[in-house]
Protein backbone atom coordinates (compact mmCIF):
# COMPACT_ATOMS: atom_id res chain seq x y z
CA MET A 1 -8.62 -16.03 146.09
CA GLN A 2 -6.65 -17.72 143.15
CA TYR A 3 -3.30 -19.92 144.25
CA ASN A 4 -0.73 -20.49 141.70
CA VAL A 5 1.65 -23.21 142.84
CA ASP A 6 4.84 -21.85 140.86
CA ARG A 7 4.25 -17.84 142.67
CA VAL A 8 3.47 -16.19 145.78
CA SER A 9 1.81 -13.16 145.61
CA PRO A 10 1.34 -11.70 148.82
CA VAL A 11 -0.49 -8.09 147.24
CA ALA A 12 -2.97 -10.52 145.86
CA THR A 13 -3.74 -11.85 149.47
CA MET A 14 -3.78 -8.17 150.72
CA LEU A 15 -6.36 -7.29 148.31
CA TRP A 16 -8.17 -10.05 149.13
CA MET A 17 -8.08 -9.24 153.08
CA ASP A 18 -8.54 -5.33 152.07
CA ASN A 19 -12.15 -6.34 150.61
CA LEU A 20 -13.63 -8.95 153.12
CA ARG A 21 -12.87 -6.59 156.09
CA ASP A 22 -14.68 -3.84 153.99
CA TYR A 23 -17.33 -5.78 153.02
CA THR A 24 -17.64 -7.81 156.92
CA ARG A 25 -17.27 -4.43 158.75
CA ALA A 26 -20.33 -3.55 156.42
CA GLU A 27 -22.32 -6.63 157.31
CA CYS A 28 -20.91 -7.69 160.80
CA GLY A 29 -19.38 -4.29 162.52
CA ARG A 30 -16.54 -4.84 164.37
CA MET A 31 -15.89 -8.51 163.15
CA GLY A 32 -14.42 -6.58 160.15
CA GLN A 33 -11.02 -6.14 162.22
CA ILE A 34 -9.61 -9.79 162.37
CA PHE A 35 -8.65 -9.27 158.50
CA SER A 36 -6.54 -6.26 159.68
CA PHE A 37 -2.05 -7.00 159.68
CA GLU A 38 -2.46 -5.12 163.05
CA GLU A 39 -1.49 -7.75 166.22
CA GLY A 40 -4.22 -6.23 168.47
CA HIS A 41 -7.66 -6.03 166.05
CA ARG A 42 -6.76 -9.60 164.99
CA ARG A 43 -9.75 -11.34 167.95
CA TYR A 44 -12.88 -11.65 168.50
CA GLN A 45 -14.44 -8.80 170.54
CA VAL A 46 -15.84 -10.82 173.37
CA PRO A 47 -18.29 -9.67 175.75
CA GLN A 48 -16.41 -8.66 178.95
CA ASP A 49 -17.76 -10.60 182.22
CA LEU A 50 -20.12 -10.01 184.27
CA PRO A 51 -19.22 -8.61 188.08
CA ALA A 52 -19.44 -10.87 190.95
CA PRO A 53 -22.71 -10.04 193.08
CA SER A 54 -22.12 -8.54 196.51
CA GLU A 55 -20.98 -10.92 199.27
CA PRO A 56 -22.67 -10.56 202.14
CA PRO A 57 -25.76 -8.77 200.85
CA HIS A 58 -26.23 -5.20 199.66
CA PRO A 59 -25.15 -2.83 203.05
CA GLU A 60 -26.99 -0.76 201.62
CA GLY A 61 -30.78 -2.23 202.58
CA ARG A 62 -33.08 -4.16 200.63
CA ARG A 63 -34.13 -2.22 198.10
CA ASP A 64 -30.30 -1.55 196.43
CA GLU A 65 -30.18 -5.22 196.66
CA LEU A 66 -33.16 -5.37 194.32
CA VAL A 67 -31.91 -3.38 191.95
CA GLU A 68 -28.03 -4.84 192.11
CA LYS A 69 -29.83 -8.42 191.46
CA GLN A 70 -31.71 -6.72 188.72
CA THR A 71 -29.40 -4.77 186.67
CA LEU A 72 -27.16 -8.03 186.49
CA LYS A 73 -30.18 -9.73 185.42
CA ILE A 74 -29.73 -6.82 182.24
CA ALA A 75 -26.36 -7.54 181.64
CA ILE A 76 -26.44 -11.52 181.89
CA VAL A 77 -29.65 -11.03 179.18
CA GLN A 78 -27.31 -8.68 177.28
CA ARG A 79 -24.09 -10.89 177.82
CA ALA A 80 -25.96 -13.82 176.56
CA GLU A 81 -27.05 -11.98 173.58
CA ALA A 82 -23.83 -10.63 172.50
CA MET A 83 -22.59 -13.99 172.83
CA ARG A 84 -25.17 -15.40 170.53
CA LYS A 85 -24.66 -12.58 167.63
CA LEU A 86 -21.15 -13.53 167.90
CA GLU A 87 -21.55 -16.78 167.86
CA GLN A 88 -23.38 -16.26 164.32
CA ASN A 89 -20.73 -13.68 163.11
CA LYS A 90 -18.21 -16.08 162.78
CA VAL A 91 -20.09 -19.06 161.20
CA LYS A 92 -21.56 -16.54 158.79
CA VAL A 93 -17.83 -15.16 158.19
CA PHE A 94 -16.19 -18.46 157.85
CA GLY A 95 -18.89 -19.59 155.18
CA LEU A 96 -17.98 -16.15 152.76
CA MET A 97 -14.46 -16.82 153.33
CA MET A 98 -14.84 -20.40 152.04
CA GLY A 99 -16.99 -18.75 148.87
CA GLN A 100 -14.14 -17.05 147.88
CA LEU A 101 -11.20 -19.52 148.03
CA SER A 102 -10.75 -21.29 144.36
CA LEU A 103 -10.78 -25.10 144.50
CA ALA A 104 -7.21 -24.65 144.17
CA SER A 105 -6.75 -22.18 147.63
CA GLN A 106 -8.75 -25.13 149.01
CA ASP A 107 -6.68 -28.27 147.72
CA ALA A 108 -3.48 -25.68 148.89
CA MET A 109 -4.53 -25.71 152.86
CA ALA A 110 -5.62 -29.44 152.70
CA ARG A 111 -2.46 -30.44 153.30
CA ASP A 112 -2.14 -28.92 156.46
CA PRO A 113 -3.52 -30.56 160.00
CA LYS A 114 -5.51 -28.38 160.93
CA TYR A 115 -7.73 -27.81 157.67
CA ALA A 116 -9.65 -30.48 158.53
CA THR A 117 -10.47 -29.16 162.30
CA LEU A 118 -11.73 -26.09 160.28
CA GLN A 119 -13.81 -27.08 158.26
CA GLU A 120 -15.48 -29.37 160.54
CA ASP A 121 -16.33 -27.30 163.55
CA ALA A 122 -16.93 -23.86 160.62
CA ASN A 123 -16.83 -21.44 163.44
CA ASP A 124 -13.86 -20.06 164.10
CA PRO A 125 -12.77 -17.44 160.74
CA ILE A 126 -9.52 -16.48 162.24
CA GLY A 127 -8.31 -19.88 161.91
CA LEU A 128 -8.81 -20.23 158.93
CA LEU A 129 -7.31 -16.94 157.75
CA ASN A 130 -4.52 -17.31 159.45
CA LEU A 131 -4.46 -20.59 157.08
CA VAL A 132 -4.90 -18.48 154.38
CA ILE A 133 -2.11 -16.40 154.68
CA VAL A 134 0.59 -18.67 155.66
CA SER A 135 -0.77 -21.04 152.21
CA HIS A 136 -0.78 -18.53 149.70
CA MET A 137 2.45 -16.23 151.20
CA THR A 138 4.57 -19.07 151.24
CA ARG A 139 4.71 -22.08 149.70
CA GLY A 140 2.10 -24.01 151.61
CA ASP A 141 4.39 -26.70 152.25
CA VAL A 142 3.65 -29.35 153.94
CA ASP A 143 7.24 -29.26 156.04
CA GLU A 144 6.80 -26.07 158.21
CA MET A 145 10.47 -25.65 158.22
CA LYS A 146 10.45 -25.21 154.67
CA ASN A 147 7.53 -22.38 155.52
CA LYS A 148 9.53 -20.73 157.91
CA GLN A 149 12.98 -19.95 155.59
CA TYR A 150 10.82 -19.17 153.01
CA ALA A 151 8.61 -16.24 155.35
CA SER A 152 12.07 -15.36 156.51
CA GLN A 153 14.02 -14.78 152.82
CA ASP A 154 10.58 -12.90 152.08
CA TYR A 155 11.22 -10.46 154.80
CA SER A 156 14.89 -10.04 154.32
CA ARG A 157 14.50 -9.48 150.55
CA LEU A 158 11.13 -6.97 151.15
CA THR A 159 12.11 -3.61 149.50
CA PRO A 160 10.00 -1.22 148.43
CA GLY A 161 9.28 -0.61 145.14
CA ALA A 162 10.23 2.51 142.54
CA ASP A 163 6.88 4.02 143.10
CA GLU A 164 5.64 2.56 146.16
CA SER A 165 3.73 4.75 148.33
CA LEU A 166 5.46 4.77 152.72
CA LEU A 167 1.71 3.59 153.32
CA SER A 168 2.16 0.79 150.64
CA PHE A 169 5.19 -0.42 151.79
CA LYS A 170 4.32 0.15 155.31
CA LEU A 171 1.46 -2.85 154.72
CA ARG A 172 3.79 -4.97 152.78
CA PHE A 173 6.21 -4.93 155.78
CA LYS A 174 3.54 -5.55 158.35
CA ALA A 175 2.08 -8.42 156.67
CA ALA A 176 5.33 -10.15 156.46
CA ILE A 177 6.29 -9.71 160.05
CA LEU A 178 2.68 -11.35 160.66
CA VAL A 179 3.63 -14.54 158.47
CA LEU A 180 6.79 -15.19 160.27
CA GLN A 181 4.47 -15.42 163.52
CA LEU A 182 1.69 -17.04 161.62
CA VAL A 183 4.74 -19.75 160.97
CA GLY A 184 5.90 -19.86 164.50
CA GLU A 185 9.50 -17.46 163.96
CA PRO A 186 10.12 -15.82 167.16
CA LYS A 187 7.86 -12.38 167.46
CA ILE A 188 10.65 -9.34 166.74
CA THR A 189 10.55 -6.41 168.82
CA GLU A 190 9.44 -3.24 167.89
CA GLU A 191 12.84 -1.53 168.45
CA ARG A 192 13.90 -4.05 165.69
CA ARG A 193 11.33 -3.80 163.59
CA ALA A 194 11.70 0.09 163.65
CA ALA A 195 15.18 -0.58 162.82
CA ASP A 196 14.85 -2.84 160.31
CA PHE A 197 11.64 -0.59 158.36
CA LEU A 198 14.28 1.95 158.26
CA LEU A 199 17.10 -0.04 157.13
CA LYS A 200 14.94 -1.48 154.22
CA LEU A 201 14.24 2.17 153.24
CA GLU A 202 17.97 2.61 152.02
CA GLY A 203 18.69 4.02 148.83
CA SER A 204 14.22 4.41 147.97
CA MET A 205 12.58 7.81 147.58
CA TRP A 206 13.51 7.85 151.26
CA ASP A 207 17.66 7.26 151.70
CA GLU A 208 17.99 11.07 153.25
CA ALA A 209 15.52 10.64 155.96
CA VAL A 210 17.78 6.98 157.01
CA ARG A 211 20.50 8.80 156.49
CA ALA A 212 20.06 11.43 158.73
CA HIS A 213 18.67 9.68 161.81
CA ARG A 214 22.12 7.39 161.50
CA ASN A 215 23.88 10.27 161.58
CA ASP A 216 22.07 12.09 164.13
CA GLY A 217 21.96 8.84 166.08
CA GLY A 218 18.51 8.60 166.21
CA LYS A 219 16.83 5.21 167.93
CA CYS A 220 13.28 4.67 167.25
CA SER A 221 12.12 2.64 169.52
CA THR A 222 8.23 1.60 167.97
CA LEU A 223 7.43 1.06 164.65
CA ASP A 224 5.24 3.82 164.03
CA MET A 225 7.74 6.14 165.13
CA ALA A 226 9.82 5.38 162.37
CA ILE A 227 6.91 5.66 159.81
CA GLU A 228 6.79 9.03 161.58
CA TYR A 229 9.68 10.29 161.42
CA VAL A 230 10.38 9.30 157.87
CA THR A 231 7.11 11.12 156.56
CA ASN A 232 8.01 14.14 158.55
CA PHE A 233 10.94 14.67 157.65
CA ALA A 234 12.02 17.73 155.42
CA TYR A 235 13.43 16.24 152.51
CA ALA A 236 15.89 18.66 150.01
CA LYS A 237 15.00 19.44 146.60
CA HIS A 238 16.78 17.12 143.53
CA PRO A 239 17.36 18.59 140.46
CA LYS A 240 14.96 16.46 137.71
CA ALA A 241 15.83 14.83 135.07
CA GLY A 242 16.82 16.67 131.41
CA ARG A 243 17.72 19.60 133.02
CA ALA A 244 21.84 20.55 133.61
CA TRP A 245 23.36 21.27 136.68
CA ALA A 246 26.68 22.17 137.13
CA VAL A 247 29.59 19.60 138.76
CA VAL A 248 32.91 21.07 140.44
CA GLY A 249 35.60 20.82 137.71
CA GLN A 250 33.38 19.49 135.16
CA THR A 251 32.76 22.01 132.00
CA MET A 252 29.66 21.06 129.85
CA SER A 253 28.83 21.90 125.98
CA ARG A 254 25.82 21.77 124.59
CA ASP A 255 27.27 21.34 120.92
CA HIS A 256 26.68 17.04 121.26
CA VAL A 257 24.81 14.54 119.52
CA SER A 258 23.98 11.55 120.55
CA GLU A 259 26.84 8.53 121.43
CA HIS A 260 24.55 5.97 120.00
CA GLU A 261 24.12 6.87 116.59
CA ASP A 262 21.55 3.73 115.38
CA ASP A 263 19.11 5.38 117.60
CA TYR A 264 17.82 8.27 115.47
CA GLY A 265 15.12 10.12 117.24
CA ALA A 266 15.44 9.15 120.07
CA PRO A 267 15.65 11.29 124.03
CA ASP A 268 19.67 11.22 125.29
CA ILE A 269 18.79 11.55 128.93
CA GLU A 270 22.72 12.37 129.59
CA ALA A 271 23.68 13.66 126.22
CA ASN A 272 20.85 16.83 125.70
CA VAL A 273 22.05 18.21 128.86
CA GLY A 274 25.54 18.08 127.56
CA ARG A 275 28.94 15.60 127.73
CA ARG A 276 30.70 15.43 130.52
CA THR A 277 34.18 16.66 129.61
CA GLY A 278 35.79 16.63 133.41
CA GLN A 279 36.53 13.26 135.78
CA ASP A 280 33.91 14.78 138.23
CA LEU A 281 30.88 12.91 137.43
CA ALA A 282 27.56 12.93 139.35
CA CYS A 283 24.93 10.42 138.35
CA PHE A 284 21.25 12.32 137.99
CA ASN A 285 19.66 9.57 140.62
CA CYS A 286 22.15 8.60 142.91
CA SER A 287 24.67 11.77 142.44
CA GLY A 288 26.98 9.08 142.42
CA PRO A 289 30.10 9.07 140.28
CA HIS A 290 28.84 7.56 137.57
CA MET A 291 26.69 7.79 134.12
CA LEU A 292 22.80 7.54 134.25
CA ARG A 293 22.68 4.47 132.30
CA ASP A 294 25.42 2.85 134.90
CA CYS A 295 23.86 3.13 138.06
CA ASN A 296 22.36 0.82 139.74
CA LYS A 297 20.63 2.39 142.96
CA GLN A 298 16.36 2.23 143.14
CA PRO A 299 15.12 4.69 141.53
CA THR A 300 13.62 7.91 143.07
CA SER A 301 10.98 8.60 141.11
CA THR A 302 8.82 6.93 138.03
CA GLU A 303 10.34 9.47 136.18
CA MET A 304 14.25 8.97 136.83
CA ALA A 305 12.96 5.37 136.49
CA GLU A 306 11.62 5.65 133.23
CA ALA A 307 14.62 7.23 131.91
CA MET A 308 16.98 4.95 133.97
CA ASN A 309 15.58 2.64 130.99
CA LYS A 310 15.94 4.03 128.31
CA ALA A 311 19.65 4.84 128.97
CA GLN A 312 20.65 1.17 129.37
CA ALA A 313 18.45 0.33 126.71
CA ARG A 314 21.08 2.70 124.70
CA LYS A 315 24.26 1.62 125.94
CA ALA A 316 22.93 -2.27 125.26
CA ARG A 317 22.52 -1.58 122.03
CA ARG A 318 25.52 0.69 121.23
CA GLU A 319 28.03 -2.57 123.26
CA ARG A 320 26.01 -5.08 120.81
CA LYS A 321 27.00 -2.79 117.56
CA LYS A 322 30.23 -2.87 119.22
CA ALA A 323 30.50 -6.82 119.00
CA THR A 324 28.25 -7.17 115.66
CA GLY A 325 26.85 -4.32 113.80
CA SER A 326 31.10 -2.46 112.85
CA ASN A 327 31.99 -6.31 111.28
CA ALA A 328 28.55 -7.04 109.75
CA HIS A 329 28.73 -3.63 108.18
CA ASP A 330 32.38 -4.03 106.88
CA ALA A 331 31.21 -7.11 105.66
CA ASP A 332 28.55 -5.41 103.40
CA LEU A 333 30.33 -2.78 102.09
CA ILE A 334 33.22 -4.98 101.35
CA ALA A 335 30.58 -7.01 99.28
CA ARG A 336 29.19 -4.50 97.87
CA ILE A 337 32.51 -2.71 96.55
CA VAL A 338 33.28 -6.48 94.79
CA ARG A 339 30.00 -6.45 93.10
CA LYS A 340 30.40 -3.25 91.62
CA LEU A 341 34.36 -4.04 90.54
CA LYS A 342 32.61 -6.67 88.68
CA ASP A 343 30.37 -4.93 87.44
CA GLU A 344 32.28 -2.88 85.45
């Protein structure tokens, strides 16, 4: 695990935890679940308490009383062995985690007073993991208030990537919630988590499901319900980039050259389907009343993101040409004419 004082990388921290979870599961069994972002899994599997012996003596007689005592002895031995293995695994996993942390990471965590106690005991991997998460998924500042502010801002700005899967975004969302809890922010209710999750999906490839859910007045009481709704929603098929789809009140013409004359040989995603001569426009990405190059919504796919980048790049080149290219071309043309007249 590397620590960068200039840039926070939550994804790197999540991958580090994921690799440790797989290795720890193979070596220490259920201890590996402490590296999960699920709240109920991040705890030690302590053996259950032993049942209290019967008081007064067993009513069924001497024989049954002896059986109960022997059973209790076996349970005591088994519990003691389980506790011994648990303590061994805690020390083992703690050492494994320390071995995977860079010196920069350890220096960053050393700013927290809890780090010295954790190092001295060397038997609390969950405590060490919490410190790793806070240090690497916030700025790891000595001032706890700054860490709270950073965690809150990161949670507010969290949105899915252009080509990110729903599972990946769900993990990043849960990681952001975990950071909020570790820095001391109030716990977010399940209903609020579901509402926030759906809100963050607006403008993404799941926008259709989110808007349908809102228009229907639906509510999800848990985050898992929200994820299940978005996953199972029956999405409509959308036009693909490069295909012509007529819009009401709009005429299409195929006899059109690139609107960027300096882009010779470069495919124009919007020019290829024809110039829009009517007043009604429809963006390929969001169906808004504008061209693809003017769209500021989240791309619905990787292909759409690439098409938007190309269209916006052509627009920028055209604007630069208007600002400087025409004047430079005219000045060069005038200079050549002057030289030709002098030679004559």
